[in-house]
């Protein structure tokens, strides 16, 4: 299982909070009792792997130092399609998260941008029917 899916990994400060947020936005969870420092979520055929910033291993000491000392999320955008942009926006606001672009018509879809609890930029798209 998982050998043909696109996977995106995000290091997060609060594994439970991040997982709960993405679950509220329509992601599904793959049970994973063997690795308590990871949460495997899916959205369609794409996996979102959340790993605890302080408890999950790094490949090198340099990578660990960089991740722990720099602002997370710089230069990365996760785009999530939605059939109800207003609902996604309401969830974002209820969580008290920053909105960086208010809902607007972008031509191909209605969109908004925000930052998740770790500063990762997330764009939501509601395509026209």
Protein backbone atom coordinates (compact mmCIF):
# COMPACT_ATOMS: atom_id res chain seq x y z
CA UNK A 1 0.00 0.00 0.00
CA UNK A 2 1.26 3.48 -0.80
CA UNK A 3 3.79 2.67 -3.49
CA UNK A 4 1.89 4.61 -6.19
CA UNK A 5 0.66 7.66 -4.30
CA UNK A 6 2.12 11.14 -4.30
CA UNK A 7 3.16 11.90 -0.71
CA UNK A 8 3.81 15.29 0.86
CA UNK A 9 5.51 15.47 4.26
CA UNK A 10 5.20 18.39 6.66
CA UNK A 11 7.09 18.74 9.94
CA UNK A 12 4.75 20.22 12.54
CA UNK A 13 5.03 21.53 16.10
CA UNK A 14 1.72 20.07 17.36
CA UNK A 15 0.91 16.79 15.63
CA UNK A 16 -2.59 16.49 17.09
CA UNK A 17 -3.63 20.07 16.25
CA UNK A 18 -2.38 19.82 12.67
CA UNK A 19 -3.99 16.42 12.08
CA UNK A 20 -7.29 17.59 13.56
CA UNK A 21 -7.28 20.67 11.30
CA UNK A 22 -6.69 18.71 8.11
CA UNK A 23 -9.27 16.08 9.13
CA UNK A 24 -11.84 18.88 9.54
CA UNK A 25 -10.99 19.99 5.99
CA UNK A 26 -11.91 16.62 4.50
CA UNK A 27 -8.73 14.55 4.78
CA UNK A 28 -9.03 10.92 5.91
CA UNK A 29 -6.61 9.19 8.29
CA UNK A 30 -4.77 5.92 7.72
CA UNK A 31 -4.38 4.22 11.11
CA UNK A 32 -0.74 4.04 12.19
CA UNK A 33 -0.23 2.66 15.70
CA UNK A 34 3.44 1.70 15.13
CA UNK A 35 4.74 5.26 14.60
CA UNK A 36 3.33 7.70 17.19
CA UNK A 37 5.40 10.60 15.79
CA UNK A 38 3.70 10.40 12.37
CA UNK A 39 0.13 10.88 11.15
CA UNK A 40 -0.80 9.59 7.70
CA UNK A 41 -3.66 11.47 6.06
CA UNK A 42 -5.10 11.11 2.56
CA UNK A 43 -6.91 13.41 0.18
CA UNK A 44 -7.97 11.47 -2.90
CA UNK A 45 -4.86 9.60 -3.99
CA UNK A 46 -2.42 12.00 -2.30
CA UNK A 47 -0.98 11.36 1.15
CA UNK A 48 -0.14 14.10 3.64
CA UNK A 49 2.37 12.80 6.16
CA UNK A 50 2.61 14.93 9.28
CA UNK A 51 5.69 14.35 11.42
CA UNK A 52 6.46 15.72 14.87
CA UNK A 53 9.12 18.43 14.46
CA UNK A 54 10.92 17.48 17.67
CA UNK A 55 10.35 13.73 17.90
CA UNK A 56 10.68 12.38 14.37
CA UNK A 57 14.18 11.71 13.06
CA UNK A 58 16.19 13.71 10.53
CA UNK A 59 18.54 12.44 7.83
CA UNK A 60 21.41 14.72 8.86
CA UNK A 61 22.30 17.01 11.76
CA UNK A 62 22.32 19.94 9.33
CA UNK A 63 18.74 19.20 8.24
CA UNK A 64 17.65 19.00 11.87
CA UNK A 65 19.30 22.32 12.78
CA UNK A 66 17.73 24.05 9.77
CA UNK A 67 14.23 22.73 10.44
CA UNK A 68 14.33 23.62 14.13
CA UNK A 69 15.80 27.10 13.69
CA UNK A 70 14.05 28.46 10.60
CA UNK A 71 10.47 29.43 9.95
CA UNK A 72 8.53 26.44 8.67
CA UNK A 73 6.59 26.66 5.44
CA UNK A 74 8.63 29.27 3.59
CA UNK A 75 8.26 28.77 -0.16
CA UNK A 76 5.82 25.87 0.06
CA UNK A 77 2.13 25.97 -0.94
CA UNK A 78 -0.32 23.11 -0.37
CA UNK A 79 -3.37 23.47 -2.64
CA UNK A 80 -6.61 21.79 -1.57
CA UNK A 81 -9.61 21.52 -3.89
CA UNK A 82 -12.98 21.98 -2.22
CA UNK A 83 -16.62 21.86 -3.27
CA UNK A 84 -17.54 24.38 -0.55
CA UNK A 85 -15.06 27.24 -0.23
CA UNK A 86 -17.24 29.03 2.32
CA UNK A 87 -17.18 25.98 4.64
CA UNK A 88 -13.38 25.66 4.35
CA UNK A 89 -13.03 29.38 5.04
CA UNK A 90 -15.30 29.05 8.11
CA UNK A 91 -13.18 26.16 9.46
CA UNK A 92 -10.02 28.23 8.92
CA UNK A 93 -11.49 31.19 10.79
CA UNK A 94 -12.87 29.00 13.62
CA UNK A 95 -9.34 27.66 14.14
CA UNK A 96 -8.06 31.24 14.45
CA UNK A 97 -5.64 30.83 11.53
CA UNK A 98 -4.27 33.63 9.39
CA UNK A 99 -5.97 34.33 6.07
CA UNK A 100 -3.51 35.88 3.62
CA UNK A 101 -5.88 36.25 0.66
CA UNK A 102 -9.60 36.64 1.36
CA UNK A 103 -12.02 34.60 -0.79
CA UNK A 104 -12.00 35.92 -4.33
CA UNK A 105 -12.81 34.96 -7.88
CA UNK A 106 -9.56 34.03 -9.64
CA UNK A 107 -11.13 33.32 -13.04
CA UNK A 108 -10.75 29.55 -13.05
CA UNK A 109 -12.08 29.13 -9.48
CA UNK A 110 -12.97 30.85 -6.24
CA UNK A 111 -9.95 30.77 -3.93
CA UNK A 112 -8.51 31.88 -0.63
CA UNK A 113 -5.09 31.50 0.99
CA UNK A 114 -4.11 31.06 4.60
CA UNK A 115 -1.30 29.84 6.85
CA UNK A 116 -1.70 26.66 8.88
CA UNK A 117 -0.52 26.44 12.53
CA UNK A 118 3.11 25.93 11.40
CA UNK A 119 3.15 28.67 8.77
CA UNK A 120 2.64 26.43 5.75
CA UNK A 121 0.72 28.33 3.09
CA UNK A 122 -2.50 26.63 2.02
CA UNK A 123 -4.61 27.63 -0.98
CA UNK A 124 -8.20 26.44 -1.33
CA UNK A 125 -9.85 26.20 -4.75
CA UNK A 126 -13.55 25.79 -5.52
CA UNK A 127 -13.84 25.08 -9.23
CA UNK A 128 -16.88 26.13 -11.21
CA UNK A 129 -19.38 23.41 -12.04
